[in-house]
Amino acid sequence: MLKGRKEIASDKIGVWGGSNGGWVAPLAASLSSDVAFVITVAGAAVPPTELAKWRSVNYVRNAGYSDEVVERDITVVILSGADHNMNRPSGPRPVLNTRRR
């Protein structure tokens, strides 16, 4: 879209990504020779899988589950793909609701 506009220097177009966009923006730039630069804002400094594990572990602990339950269930939580939204049907709540505190 921007590349076709006369008032835009087509060789100076970049992408901006905040939060999880901090992972997406560099990926998008790597897939296009049209991207001149990347700006990331508040992107994580660890891979998405590490952030997902950290987020899930802390959610379970903060919900009051024991370390034993955290260790046993975290693999299920991560493998279920429940690393983005705790409220979606495939998220950890259905798994956690079957466990005892």
C-alpha atoms as a PDB file:
ATOM      1  CA  MET A   1       0.000   0.000   0.000  1.00  0.00           C
ATOM      2  CA  LEU A   2       2.650   2.550   1.028  1.00  0.00           C
ATOM      3  CA  LYS A   3       5.086   1.466  -1.666  1.00  0.00           C
ATOM      4  CA  GLY A   4       2.688   2.593  -4.399  1.00  0.00           C
ATOM      5  CA  ARG A   5       2.223   6.132  -3.039  1.00  0.00           C
ATOM      6  CA  LYS A   6       4.215   8.884  -4.777  1.00  0.00           C
ATOM      7  CA  GLU A   7       4.817  10.881  -1.590  1.00  0.00           C
ATOM      8  CA  ILE A   8       6.399   7.876   0.168  1.00  0.00           C
ATOM      9  CA  ALA A   9      10.025   6.864  -0.378  1.00  0.00           C
ATOM     10  CA  SER A  10       9.511   3.167  -1.140  1.00  0.00           C
ATOM     11  CA  ASP A  11      13.023   2.261   0.015  1.00  0.00           C
ATOM     12  CA  LYS A  12      12.381   3.733   3.486  1.00  0.00           C
ATOM     13  CA  ILE A  13       9.340   1.717   4.568  1.00  0.00           C
ATOM     14  CA  GLY A  14       9.613  -0.276   7.774  1.00  0.00           C
ATOM     15  CA  VAL A  15       7.510  -2.238  10.197  1.00  0.00           C
ATOM     16  CA  TRP A  16       6.680  -1.565  13.833  1.00  0.00           C
ATOM     17  CA  GLY A  17       5.704  -4.241  16.325  1.00  0.00           C
ATOM     18  CA  GLY A  18       4.744  -3.936  19.959  1.00  0.00           C
ATOM     19  CA  SER A  19       4.411  -6.715  22.527  1.00  0.00           C
ATOM     20  CA  ASN A  20       4.035  -9.983  20.589  1.00  0.00           C
ATOM     21  CA  GLY A  21       4.536  -7.881  17.471  1.00  0.00           C
ATOM     22  CA  GLY A  22       8.137  -7.695  18.672  1.00  0.00           C
ATOM     23  CA  TRP A  23       8.428 -11.263  17.372  1.00  0.00           C
ATOM     24  CA  VAL A  24       6.226 -10.786  14.319  1.00  0.00           C
ATOM     25  CA  ALA A  25       7.828  -7.607  12.930  1.00  0.00           C
ATOM     26  CA  PRO A  26      11.335  -9.096  12.494  1.00  0.00           C
ATOM     27  CA  LEU A  27       9.825 -12.243  11.022  1.00  0.00           C
ATOM     28  CA  ALA A  28       7.814 -10.181   8.526  1.00  0.00           C
ATOM     29  CA  ALA A  29      10.910  -8.164   7.649  1.00  0.00           C
ATOM     30  CA  SER A  30      12.911 -11.323   7.052  1.00  0.00           C
ATOM     31  CA  LEU A  31      10.302 -12.486   4.556  1.00  0.00           C
ATOM     32  CA  SER A  32      10.202  -9.288   2.490  1.00  0.00           C
ATOM     33  CA  SER A  33      12.933  -7.395   0.706  1.00  0.00           C
ATOM     34  CA  ASP A  34      10.629  -4.342   0.773  1.00  0.00           C
ATOM     35  CA  VAL A  35      11.158  -3.743   4.517  1.00  0.00           C
ATOM     36  CA  ALA A  36      13.946  -1.235   5.166  1.00  0.00           C
ATOM     37  CA  PHE A  37      13.867  -1.266   8.985  1.00  0.00           C
ATOM     38  CA  VAL A  38      12.195  -2.792  12.034  1.00  0.00           C
ATOM     39  CA  ILE A  39      11.104  -1.131  15.271  1.00  0.00           C
ATOM     40  CA  THR A  40      10.107  -3.313  18.203  1.00  0.00           C
ATOM     41  CA  VAL A  41       8.480  -1.904  21.317  1.00  0.00           C
ATOM     42  CA  ALA A  42       8.094  -3.923  24.523  1.00  0.00           C
ATOM     43  CA  GLY A  43       8.849  -7.176  22.776  1.00  0.00           C
ATOM     44  CA  ALA A  44      10.018 -10.084  24.881  1.00  0.00           C
ATOM     45  CA  ALA A  45      13.704 -10.895  25.074  1.00  0.00           C
ATOM     46  CA  VAL A  46      13.017 -14.636  25.166  1.00  0.00           C
ATOM     47  CA  PRO A  47      11.478 -17.028  22.622  1.00  0.00           C
ATOM     48  CA  PRO A  48       7.658 -17.305  22.609  1.00  0.00           C
ATOM     49  CA  THR A  49       7.756 -20.812  24.076  1.00  0.00           C
ATOM     50  CA  GLU A  50       9.762 -19.618  27.098  1.00  0.00           C
ATOM     51  CA  LEU A  51       7.400 -16.715  27.687  1.00  0.00           C
ATOM     52  CA  ALA A  52       4.407 -19.053  27.364  1.00  0.00           C
ATOM     53  CA  LYS A  53       5.858 -21.411  29.957  1.00  0.00           C
ATOM     54  CA  TRP A  54       6.661 -18.572  32.367  1.00  0.00           C
ATOM     55  CA  ARG A  55       3.193 -17.073  31.949  1.00  0.00           C
ATOM     56  CA  SER A  56       1.451 -20.417  32.426  1.00  0.00           C
ATOM     57  CA  VAL A  57       3.530 -21.448  35.447  1.00  0.00           C
ATOM     58  CA  ASN A  58       2.889 -18.132  37.158  1.00  0.00           C
ATOM     59  CA  TYR A  59      -0.824 -18.225  36.339  1.00  0.00           C
ATOM     60  CA  VAL A  60      -1.141 -21.688  37.921  1.00  0.00           C
ATOM     61  CA  ARG A  61       0.901 -20.722  40.991  1.00  0.00           C
ATOM     62  CA  ASN A  62      -1.012 -17.469  41.457  1.00  0.00           C
ATOM     63  CA  ALA A  63      -4.262 -19.426  41.225  1.00  0.00           C
ATOM     64  CA  GLY A  64      -3.175 -21.227  44.379  1.00  0.00           C
ATOM     65  CA  TYR A  65      -2.050 -24.599  43.076  1.00  0.00           C
ATOM     66  CA  SER A  66       0.809 -26.452  44.741  1.00  0.00           C
ATOM     67  CA  ASP A  67       4.250 -26.787  43.173  1.00  0.00           C
ATOM     68  CA  GLU A  68       3.505 -30.476  42.640  1.00  0.00           C
ATOM     69  CA  VAL A  69       0.457 -29.615  40.526  1.00  0.00           C
ATOM     70  CA  VAL A  70       2.389 -26.890  38.693  1.00  0.00           C
ATOM     71  CA  GLU A  71       5.160 -29.315  37.744  1.00  0.00           C
ATOM     72  CA  ARG A  72       2.760 -32.079  36.745  1.00  0.00           C
ATOM     73  CA  ASP A  73       0.364 -29.934  34.759  1.00  0.00           C
ATOM     74  CA  ILE A  74       2.660 -27.416  33.076  1.00  0.00           C
ATOM     75  CA  THR A  75       3.522 -29.874  30.317  1.00  0.00           C
ATOM     76  CA  VAL A  76      -0.170 -30.348  29.585  1.00  0.00           C
ATOM     77  CA  VAL A  77      -0.725 -26.593  29.594  1.00  0.00           C
ATOM     78  CA  ILE A  78       2.094 -25.926  27.136  1.00  0.00           C
ATOM     79  CA  LEU A  79       1.295 -28.870  24.859  1.00  0.00           C
ATOM     80  CA  SER A  80      -2.360 -27.842  24.700  1.00  0.00           C
ATOM     81  CA  GLY A  81      -1.292 -24.586  23.032  1.00  0.00           C
ATOM     82  CA  ALA A  82      -2.701 -22.610  25.926  1.00  0.00           C
ATOM     83  CA  ASP A  83       0.074 -20.071  25.916  1.00  0.00           C
ATOM     84  CA  HIS A  84      -1.750 -16.952  24.766  1.00  0.00           C
ATOM     85  CA  ASN A  85      -5.183 -16.631  26.278  1.00  0.00           C
ATOM     86  CA  MET A  86      -6.072 -18.149  29.609  1.00  0.00           C
ATOM     87  CA  ASN A  87      -9.799 -17.835  28.938  1.00  0.00           C
ATOM     88  CA  ARG A  88     -10.147 -19.634  25.625  1.00  0.00           C
ATOM     89  CA  PRO A  89     -11.671 -23.136  25.683  1.00  0.00           C
ATOM     90  CA  SER A  90      -8.338 -24.817  24.950  1.00  0.00           C
ATOM     91  CA  GLY A  91      -6.593 -22.767  27.632  1.00  0.00           C
ATOM     92  CA  PRO A  92      -5.414 -24.029  31.014  1.00  0.00           C
ATOM     93  CA  ARG A  93      -8.627 -23.423  32.951  1.00  0.00           C
ATOM     94  CA  PRO A  94     -10.284 -26.673  31.768  1.00  0.00           C
ATOM     95  CA  VAL A  95      -7.136 -28.582  32.771  1.00  0.00           C
ATOM     96  CA  LEU A  96      -6.787 -26.763  36.072  1.00  0.00           C
ATOM     97  CA  ASN A  97     -10.442 -27.173  36.953  1.00  0.00           C
ATOM     98  CA  THR A  98      -9.939 -30.939  37.009  1.00  0.00           C
ATOM     99  CA  ARG A  99      -7.116 -30.669  39.573  1.00  0.00           C
ATOM    100  CA  ARG A 100      -7.225 -30.271  43.300  1.00  0.00           C
ATOM    101  CA  ARG A 101      -5.589 -27.290  44.954  1.00  0.00           C
END
